Amino acid sequence: MRRVRTATWIAAAAAAALGLAACGGADDDAGQGAGGPPAETATGKGSPAAGDPVTPAQLVGDWLQLGTVQQVRFSRDGTFAMDYNRGDLDHPSTAAGTYELRRGSVSFLNDEPDLFCFEGDEWTWDVVAREDELHATWVEGGCTVDSGTIWTLTPIHR
């Protein structure tokens, strides 16, 4: 009887191990599902989204961070405005300055004093376009946002 129980326990343990391997692993892979990267959130941390690097034509416009009132405007002349709380890009409360787009990376320089971000603050996003959204990963944090933070942006005005 003891051999039957031991053999049953070994078979169950082997089946569980095979099940974990098929699903992507154990606890250290939690939340990744099928061995893939963590699910992306509208705002949060995870792996950069898959997609094509953003082009200037795709970037220019007004964008809303999904699930928030945070807005970003990219103008054709290389200027940007950010507003985290009022939703007024003509009078931004957060940051305003210049940006440069190079191969899907957007570098920002806040050159406005007396806003939430300090004058001279710099940060960088890697941005990919997917359907009608932009997925921005903060690769160099700034303006109190940590590196690795991901924003999903939807168009306001196109």
N, C-alpha and C. Protein backbone atom coordinates (compact mmCIF):
# COMPACT_ATOMS: atom_id res chain seq x y z
N MET A 1 0.82 -1.19 0.00
CA MET A 1 0.00 0.00 0.00
C MET A 1 0.86 1.25 0.00
N ARG A 2 1.97 1.22 0.76
CA ARG A 2 2.85 2.38 0.84
C ARG A 2 3.47 2.67 -0.51
N ARG A 3 3.87 1.65 -1.27
CA ARG A 3 4.46 1.84 -2.59
C ARG A 3 3.46 2.49 -3.55
N VAL A 4 2.19 2.12 -3.45
CA VAL A 4 1.16 2.69 -4.31
C VAL A 4 1.00 4.17 -4.01
N ARG A 5 0.97 4.56 -2.71
CA ARG A 5 0.85 5.97 -2.33
C ARG A 5 2.06 6.75 -2.81
N THR A 6 3.26 6.22 -2.62
CA THR A 6 4.49 6.90 -3.04
C THR A 6 4.49 7.07 -4.55
N ALA A 7 4.13 6.02 -5.28
CA ALA A 7 4.09 6.11 -6.74
C ALA A 7 3.04 7.11 -7.19
N THR A 8 1.91 7.16 -6.51
CA THR A 8 0.86 8.12 -6.84
C THR A 8 1.35 9.53 -6.57
N TRP A 9 2.03 9.75 -5.43
CA TRP A 9 2.55 11.07 -5.08
C TRP A 9 3.60 11.51 -6.10
N ILE A 10 4.49 10.63 -6.50
CA ILE A 10 5.52 10.96 -7.49
C ILE A 10 4.88 11.31 -8.83
N ALA A 11 3.88 10.55 -9.24
CA ALA A 11 3.18 10.83 -10.49
C ALA A 11 2.49 12.19 -10.42
N ALA A 12 1.88 12.51 -9.28
CA ALA A 12 1.20 13.81 -9.12
C ALA A 12 2.21 14.95 -9.16
N ALA A 13 3.35 14.78 -8.49
CA ALA A 13 4.38 15.81 -8.48
C ALA A 13 4.93 16.03 -9.89
N ALA A 14 5.15 14.95 -10.62
CA ALA A 14 5.65 15.07 -11.99
C ALA A 14 4.63 15.78 -12.88
N ALA A 15 3.36 15.46 -12.72
CA ALA A 15 2.31 16.12 -13.51
C ALA A 15 2.25 17.60 -13.18
N ALA A 16 2.39 17.95 -11.89
CA ALA A 16 2.37 19.36 -11.50
C ALA A 16 3.57 20.10 -12.09
N ALA A 17 4.74 19.48 -12.07
CA ALA A 17 5.93 20.11 -12.64
C ALA A 17 5.76 20.32 -14.14
N LEU A 18 5.21 19.33 -14.82
CA LEU A 18 4.95 19.49 -16.26
C LEU A 18 3.93 20.58 -16.52
N GLY A 19 2.92 20.68 -15.65
CA GLY A 19 1.91 21.72 -15.80
C GLY A 19 2.51 23.11 -15.62
N LEU A 20 3.40 23.27 -14.64
CA LEU A 20 4.07 24.56 -14.43
C LEU A 20 4.93 24.91 -15.63
N ALA A 21 5.65 23.95 -16.14
CA ALA A 21 6.51 24.22 -17.29
C ALA A 21 5.68 24.63 -18.50
N ALA A 22 4.55 24.00 -18.69
CA ALA A 22 3.70 24.32 -19.84
C ALA A 22 3.07 25.70 -19.70
N CYS A 23 2.83 26.13 -18.44
CA CYS A 23 2.20 27.44 -18.22
C CYS A 23 3.21 28.56 -18.10
N GLY A 24 4.48 28.27 -18.14
CA GLY A 24 5.46 29.35 -18.10
C GLY A 24 6.28 29.40 -16.84
N GLY A 25 6.09 28.51 -15.88
CA GLY A 25 6.98 28.52 -14.74
C GLY A 25 6.25 28.60 -13.42
N ALA A 26 7.06 28.84 -12.38
CA ALA A 26 6.55 28.90 -11.03
C ALA A 26 6.38 30.34 -10.59
N ASP A 27 6.43 30.57 -9.27
CA ASP A 27 6.15 31.89 -8.71
C ASP A 27 7.01 33.01 -9.27
N ASP A 28 8.29 32.72 -9.62
CA ASP A 28 9.14 33.80 -10.12
C ASP A 28 8.68 34.31 -11.47
N ASP A 29 7.78 33.62 -12.12
CA ASP A 29 7.21 34.08 -13.39
C ASP A 29 5.76 34.53 -13.22
N ALA A 30 5.31 34.69 -11.98
CA ALA A 30 3.91 35.02 -11.74
C ALA A 30 3.51 36.27 -12.50
N GLY A 31 2.34 36.22 -13.08
CA GLY A 31 1.81 37.37 -13.80
C GLY A 31 2.28 37.45 -15.23
N GLN A 32 3.16 36.54 -15.63
CA GLN A 32 3.69 36.62 -16.98
C GLN A 32 2.90 35.77 -17.95
N GLY A 33 2.30 34.69 -17.47
CA GLY A 33 1.48 33.86 -18.35
C GLY A 33 2.24 33.33 -19.53
N ALA A 34 2.22 32.07 -19.76
CA ALA A 34 2.84 31.39 -20.90
C ALA A 34 4.28 31.82 -21.12
N GLY A 35 4.97 32.18 -20.05
CA GLY A 35 6.39 32.50 -20.16
C GLY A 35 6.67 33.85 -20.79
N GLY A 36 5.66 34.65 -21.06
CA GLY A 36 5.85 35.94 -21.71
C GLY A 36 6.13 37.04 -20.71
N PRO A 37 6.26 38.26 -21.21
CA PRO A 37 6.52 39.39 -20.32
C PRO A 37 5.29 39.74 -19.50
N PRO A 38 5.49 40.51 -18.42
CA PRO A 38 4.35 40.93 -17.62
C PRO A 38 3.36 41.71 -18.47
N ALA A 39 2.11 41.60 -18.11
CA ALA A 39 1.08 42.33 -18.85
C ALA A 39 1.31 43.83 -18.69
N GLU A 40 1.13 44.55 -19.76
CA GLU A 40 1.29 46.00 -19.72
C GLU A 40 0.05 46.63 -19.13
N THR A 41 0.24 47.70 -18.39
CA THR A 41 -0.88 48.42 -17.82
C THR A 41 -0.90 49.82 -18.39
N ALA A 42 -2.02 50.48 -18.24
CA ALA A 42 -2.14 51.85 -18.74
C ALA A 42 -1.10 52.73 -18.08
N THR A 43 -0.86 52.53 -16.84
CA THR A 43 0.22 53.21 -16.15
C THR A 43 0.76 52.21 -15.15
N GLY A 44 1.99 51.96 -15.19
CA GLY A 44 2.59 50.98 -14.32
C GLY A 44 3.91 50.55 -14.88
N LYS A 45 4.42 49.44 -14.36
CA LYS A 45 5.70 48.95 -14.82
C LYS A 45 5.51 47.60 -15.48
N GLY A 46 6.39 47.30 -16.38
CA GLY A 46 6.33 46.04 -17.09
C GLY A 46 7.31 46.10 -18.23
N SER A 47 7.17 45.21 -19.16
CA SER A 47 8.04 45.20 -20.33
C SER A 47 7.52 46.18 -21.37
N PRO A 48 8.44 46.76 -22.14
CA PRO A 48 7.99 47.66 -23.21
C PRO A 48 7.05 46.94 -24.16
N ALA A 49 6.12 47.69 -24.69
CA ALA A 49 5.14 47.13 -25.61
C ALA A 49 5.78 46.82 -26.95
N ALA A 50 5.25 45.82 -27.61
CA ALA A 50 5.70 45.51 -28.96
C ALA A 50 5.01 46.44 -29.93
N GLY A 51 5.69 46.78 -30.99
CA GLY A 51 5.12 47.66 -32.01
C GLY A 51 6.24 48.32 -32.78
N ASP A 52 5.86 49.19 -33.69
CA ASP A 52 6.84 49.90 -34.50
C ASP A 52 7.24 51.19 -33.80
N PRO A 53 8.53 51.57 -33.89
CA PRO A 53 8.93 52.85 -33.31
C PRO A 53 8.08 53.98 -33.90
N VAL A 54 7.70 54.90 -33.05
CA VAL A 54 6.82 55.98 -33.46
C VAL A 54 7.52 56.89 -34.48
N THR A 55 6.76 57.40 -35.43
CA THR A 55 7.27 58.33 -36.43
C THR A 55 6.82 59.74 -36.03
N PRO A 56 7.45 60.78 -36.62
CA PRO A 56 7.01 62.15 -36.30
C PRO A 56 5.52 62.37 -36.61
N ALA A 57 5.04 61.84 -37.71
CA ALA A 57 3.63 62.03 -38.07
C ALA A 57 2.70 61.39 -37.04
N GLN A 58 3.11 60.27 -36.46
CA GLN A 58 2.28 59.60 -35.45
C GLN A 58 2.35 60.31 -34.10
N LEU A 59 3.48 60.91 -33.80
CA LEU A 59 3.70 61.51 -32.48
C LEU A 59 2.97 62.84 -32.32
N VAL A 60 2.98 63.67 -33.34
CA VAL A 60 2.41 65.02 -33.23
C VAL A 60 0.92 64.94 -32.95
N GLY A 61 0.50 65.67 -31.92
CA GLY A 61 -0.91 65.73 -31.54
C GLY A 61 -1.06 65.79 -30.04
N ASP A 62 -2.28 65.74 -29.58
CA ASP A 62 -2.62 65.76 -28.16
C ASP A 62 -2.98 64.35 -27.73
N TRP A 63 -2.44 63.92 -26.59
CA TRP A 63 -2.59 62.55 -26.12
C TRP A 63 -3.06 62.54 -24.67
N LEU A 64 -3.87 61.54 -24.34
CA LEU A 64 -4.37 61.34 -22.99
C LEU A 64 -3.84 60.01 -22.48
N GLN A 65 -3.27 60.02 -21.27
CA GLN A 65 -2.83 58.77 -20.67
C GLN A 65 -4.06 58.00 -20.23
N LEU A 66 -4.18 56.78 -20.72
CA LEU A 66 -5.34 55.94 -20.45
C LEU A 66 -5.62 55.84 -18.96
N GLY A 67 -6.87 56.06 -18.58
CA GLY A 67 -7.28 55.92 -17.19
C GLY A 67 -6.94 57.09 -16.29
N THR A 68 -6.45 58.20 -16.84
CA THR A 68 -6.07 59.36 -16.04
C THR A 68 -6.54 60.63 -16.73
N VAL A 69 -6.22 61.78 -16.13
CA VAL A 69 -6.46 63.07 -16.78
C VAL A 69 -5.15 63.65 -17.32
N GLN A 70 -4.07 62.88 -17.26
CA GLN A 70 -2.77 63.36 -17.71
C GLN A 70 -2.74 63.47 -19.23
N GLN A 71 -2.29 64.62 -19.70
CA GLN A 71 -2.27 64.88 -21.13
C GLN A 71 -0.88 65.34 -21.57
N VAL A 72 -0.57 65.04 -22.83
CA VAL A 72 0.70 65.45 -23.44
C VAL A 72 0.41 65.97 -24.83
N ARG A 73 1.05 67.08 -25.19
CA ARG A 73 0.95 67.63 -26.55
C ARG A 73 2.34 67.64 -27.16
N PHE A 74 2.43 67.07 -28.37
CA PHE A 74 3.65 67.16 -29.18
C PHE A 74 3.33 68.02 -30.39
N SER A 75 4.04 69.12 -30.53
CA SER A 75 3.83 70.03 -31.67
C SER A 75 4.88 69.77 -32.74
N ARG A 76 4.55 70.14 -33.97
CA ARG A 76 5.46 69.93 -35.10
C ARG A 76 6.78 70.68 -34.94
N ASP A 77 6.77 71.79 -34.20
CA ASP A 77 7.98 72.61 -34.06
C ASP A 77 8.95 72.08 -33.01
N GLY A 78 8.66 70.89 -32.43
CA GLY A 78 9.57 70.28 -31.46
C GLY A 78 9.32 70.72 -30.03
N THR A 79 8.15 71.31 -29.77
CA THR A 79 7.81 71.68 -28.41
C THR A 79 6.77 70.70 -27.86
N PHE A 80 6.72 70.61 -26.54
CA PHE A 80 5.75 69.75 -25.88
C PHE A 80 5.15 70.49 -24.69
N ALA A 81 4.01 70.00 -24.24
CA ALA A 81 3.37 70.47 -23.02
C ALA A 81 2.78 69.26 -22.32
N MET A 82 2.85 69.23 -20.98
CA MET A 82 2.27 68.16 -20.18
C MET A 82 1.42 68.77 -19.08
N ASP A 83 0.28 68.17 -18.86
CA ASP A 83 -0.57 68.59 -17.76
C ASP A 83 -1.08 67.34 -17.06
N TYR A 84 -0.78 67.22 -15.77
CA TYR A 84 -1.16 66.04 -15.00
C TYR A 84 -2.50 66.17 -14.32
N ASN A 85 -3.02 67.39 -14.16
CA ASN A 85 -4.21 67.47 -13.32
C ASN A 85 -5.31 68.40 -13.82
N ARG A 86 -5.01 69.39 -14.63
CA ARG A 86 -6.05 70.33 -15.04
C ARG A 86 -6.63 70.01 -16.41
N GLY A 87 -5.90 69.26 -17.22
CA GLY A 87 -6.37 68.96 -18.56
C GLY A 87 -6.33 70.16 -19.48
N ASP A 88 -5.42 71.09 -19.23
CA ASP A 88 -5.31 72.31 -20.03
C ASP A 88 -3.91 72.40 -20.63
N LEU A 89 -3.76 71.92 -21.85
CA LEU A 89 -2.44 71.91 -22.48
C LEU A 89 -2.01 73.29 -22.98
N ASP A 90 -2.95 74.24 -23.05
CA ASP A 90 -2.58 75.60 -23.42
C ASP A 90 -1.94 76.35 -22.24
N HIS A 91 -2.21 75.87 -21.03
CA HIS A 91 -1.63 76.44 -19.81
C HIS A 91 -1.20 75.27 -18.92
N PRO A 92 -0.16 74.54 -19.33
CA PRO A 92 0.20 73.31 -18.61
C PRO A 92 0.71 73.58 -17.19
N SER A 93 0.37 72.67 -16.30
CA SER A 93 0.81 72.78 -14.90
C SER A 93 2.03 71.92 -14.60
N THR A 94 2.40 71.06 -15.52
CA THR A 94 3.43 70.07 -15.21
C THR A 94 4.77 70.36 -15.86
N ALA A 95 4.80 70.42 -17.19
CA ALA A 95 6.06 70.63 -17.90
C ALA A 95 5.78 71.20 -19.28
N ALA A 96 6.74 71.93 -19.79
CA ALA A 96 6.67 72.46 -21.15
C ALA A 96 8.09 72.74 -21.59
N GLY A 97 8.37 72.45 -22.84
CA GLY A 97 9.72 72.66 -23.33
C GLY A 97 9.88 72.10 -24.71
N THR A 98 11.03 71.46 -24.92
CA THR A 98 11.34 70.93 -26.23
C THR A 98 11.52 69.42 -26.14
N TYR A 99 11.30 68.77 -27.29
CA TYR A 99 11.53 67.33 -27.38
C TYR A 99 12.27 67.05 -28.68
N GLU A 100 12.93 65.90 -28.70
CA GLU A 100 13.60 65.43 -29.91
C GLU A 100 13.27 63.97 -30.09
N LEU A 101 12.82 63.62 -31.29
CA LEU A 101 12.49 62.24 -31.62
C LEU A 101 13.61 61.66 -32.46
N ARG A 102 14.16 60.53 -31.99
CA ARG A 102 15.22 59.86 -32.73
C ARG A 102 15.02 58.35 -32.62
N ARG A 103 14.67 57.71 -33.74
CA ARG A 103 14.49 56.26 -33.82
C ARG A 103 13.60 55.70 -32.70
N GLY A 104 12.46 56.33 -32.48
CA GLY A 104 11.52 55.84 -31.49
C GLY A 104 11.77 56.29 -30.07
N SER A 105 12.86 57.01 -29.83
CA SER A 105 13.13 57.56 -28.50
C SER A 105 12.82 59.05 -28.51
N VAL A 106 12.11 59.49 -27.48
CA VAL A 106 11.77 60.90 -27.34
C VAL A 106 12.51 61.43 -26.12
N SER A 107 13.36 62.43 -26.34
CA SER A 107 14.08 63.09 -25.25
C SER A 107 13.41 64.42 -24.96
N PHE A 108 13.15 64.68 -23.69
CA PHE A 108 12.45 65.89 -23.26
C PHE A 108 13.39 66.80 -22.48
N LEU A 109 13.18 68.10 -22.60
CA LEU A 109 13.84 69.10 -21.76
C LEU A 109 12.79 70.09 -21.32
N ASN A 110 12.53 70.13 -20.01
CA ASN A 110 11.58 71.11 -19.46
C ASN A 110 12.32 72.43 -19.33
N ASP A 111 11.87 73.44 -20.07
CA ASP A 111 12.55 74.73 -19.98
C ASP A 111 11.65 75.83 -19.45
N GLU A 112 10.56 75.42 -18.80
CA GLU A 112 9.65 76.40 -18.20
C GLU A 112 9.83 76.40 -16.68
N PRO A 113 10.10 77.56 -16.10
CA PRO A 113 10.17 77.63 -14.64
C PRO A 113 8.77 77.62 -14.04
N ASP A 114 8.71 77.37 -12.77
CA ASP A 114 7.47 77.49 -11.98
C ASP A 114 6.40 76.48 -12.36
N LEU A 115 6.80 75.33 -12.91
CA LEU A 115 5.85 74.25 -13.15
C LEU A 115 6.19 73.12 -12.19
N PHE A 116 5.40 72.06 -12.24
CA PHE A 116 5.61 70.91 -11.35
C PHE A 116 7.02 70.34 -11.53
N CYS A 117 7.44 70.16 -12.79
CA CYS A 117 8.80 69.69 -13.06
C CYS A 117 9.75 70.88 -12.96
N PHE A 118 10.95 70.63 -12.51
CA PHE A 118 11.92 71.70 -12.38
C PHE A 118 12.44 72.14 -13.74
N GLU A 119 12.75 73.40 -13.87
CA GLU A 119 13.39 73.90 -15.08
C GLU A 119 14.70 73.14 -15.27
N GLY A 120 14.92 72.64 -16.46
CA GLY A 120 16.13 71.86 -16.74
C GLY A 120 15.96 70.36 -16.58
N ASP A 121 14.83 69.90 -16.05
CA ASP A 121 14.58 68.45 -15.95
C ASP A 121 14.63 67.83 -17.34
N GLU A 122 15.26 66.66 -17.43
CA GLU A 122 15.34 65.92 -18.69
C GLU A 122 14.90 64.49 -18.43
N TRP A 123 14.26 63.88 -19.42
CA TRP A 123 13.88 62.47 -19.35
C TRP A 123 13.71 61.95 -20.76
N THR A 124 13.64 60.62 -20.88
CA THR A 124 13.55 59.97 -22.19
C THR A 124 12.50 58.87 -22.14
N TRP A 125 11.76 58.79 -23.22
CA TRP A 125 10.80 57.69 -23.43
C TRP A 125 11.23 56.89 -24.66
N ASP A 126 10.99 55.59 -24.63
CA ASP A 126 10.95 54.77 -25.84
C ASP A 126 9.47 54.64 -26.19
N VAL A 127 9.12 54.98 -27.43
CA VAL A 127 7.71 55.02 -27.81
C VAL A 127 7.48 54.14 -29.03
N VAL A 128 6.47 53.29 -28.92
CA VAL A 128 6.04 52.49 -30.06
C VAL A 128 4.58 52.82 -30.36
N ALA A 129 4.25 52.73 -31.64
CA ALA A 129 2.87 52.97 -32.09
C ALA A 129 2.23 51.61 -32.34
N ARG A 130 1.03 51.45 -31.81
CA ARG A 130 0.28 50.22 -32.03
C ARG A 130 -1.17 50.62 -32.21
N GLU A 131 -1.68 50.37 -33.41
CA GLU A 131 -3.02 50.78 -33.80
C GLU A 131 -3.14 52.28 -33.60
N ASP A 132 -4.09 52.73 -32.79
CA ASP A 132 -4.28 54.17 -32.60
C ASP A 132 -3.79 54.61 -31.22
N GLU A 133 -2.78 53.92 -30.69
CA GLU A 133 -2.24 54.24 -29.37
C GLU A 133 -0.73 54.38 -29.46
N LEU A 134 -0.19 55.11 -28.49
CA LEU A 134 1.25 55.15 -28.28
C LEU A 134 1.54 54.49 -26.95
N HIS A 135 2.61 53.71 -26.91
CA HIS A 135 3.03 53.05 -25.67
C HIS A 135 4.41 53.59 -25.34
N ALA A 136 4.47 54.38 -24.26
CA ALA A 136 5.69 55.08 -23.87
C ALA A 136 6.28 54.44 -22.62
N THR A 137 7.54 54.04 -22.71
CA THR A 137 8.26 53.50 -21.56
C THR A 137 9.31 54.53 -21.14
N TRP A 138 9.26 54.94 -19.91
CA TRP A 138 10.23 55.91 -19.38
C TRP A 138 11.55 55.18 -19.19
N VAL A 139 12.53 55.43 -20.07
CA VAL A 139 13.83 54.76 -19.96
C VAL A 139 14.79 55.57 -19.10
N GLU A 140 14.59 56.85 -19.06
CA GLU A 140 15.29 57.71 -18.11
C GLU A 140 14.23 58.49 -17.39
N GLY A 141 14.06 58.20 -16.11
CA GLY A 141 13.03 58.88 -15.35
C GLY A 141 13.32 60.36 -15.21
N GLY A 142 12.30 61.10 -14.93
CA GLY A 142 12.42 62.53 -14.71
C GLY A 142 11.07 63.06 -14.31
N CYS A 143 11.07 64.26 -13.77
CA CYS A 143 9.81 64.89 -13.41
C CYS A 143 9.02 63.97 -12.47
N THR A 144 9.72 63.37 -11.53
CA THR A 144 9.19 62.48 -10.48
C THR A 144 8.61 61.17 -10.97
N VAL A 145 8.87 60.77 -12.21
CA VAL A 145 8.39 59.49 -12.73
C VAL A 145 9.60 58.56 -12.84
N ASP A 146 9.47 57.35 -12.33
CA ASP A 146 10.56 56.38 -12.33
C ASP A 146 10.80 55.76 -13.69
N SER A 147 12.05 55.41 -13.95
CA SER A 147 12.38 54.63 -15.14
C SER A 147 11.61 53.32 -15.09
N GLY A 148 11.19 52.84 -16.26
CA GLY A 148 10.44 51.59 -16.35
C GLY A 148 8.93 51.78 -16.32
N THR A 149 8.49 52.98 -15.98
CA THR A 149 7.05 53.26 -15.97
C THR A 149 6.54 53.27 -17.42
N ILE A 150 5.38 52.68 -17.64
CA ILE A 150 4.79 52.61 -18.98
C ILE A 150 3.49 53.39 -19.00
N TRP A 151 3.35 54.22 -20.01
CA TRP A 151 2.10 54.95 -20.25
C TRP A 151 1.51 54.49 -21.56
N THR A 152 0.21 54.27 -21.57
CA THR A 152 -0.52 54.03 -22.81
C THR A 152 -1.29 55.31 -23.11
N LEU A 153 -1.01 55.89 -24.27
CA LEU A 153 -1.59 57.17 -24.66
C LEU A 153 -2.58 56.99 -25.81
N THR A 154 -3.73 57.62 -25.67
CA THR A 154 -4.73 57.60 -26.73
C THR A 154 -4.90 59.02 -27.27
N PRO A 155 -5.22 59.16 -28.54
CA PRO A 155 -5.32 60.51 -29.12
C PRO A 155 -6.51 61.29 -28.60
N ILE A 156 -6.29 62.59 -28.40
CA ILE A 156 -7.38 63.50 -28.04
C ILE A 156 -7.83 64.22 -29.30
N HIS A 157 -6.89 64.83 -29.99
CA HIS A 157 -7.17 65.57 -31.23
C HIS A 157 -6.19 65.06 -32.29
N ARG A 158 -6.68 64.67 -33.42
CA ARG A 158 -5.80 64.18 -34.49
C ARG A 158 -6.05 64.98 -35.73
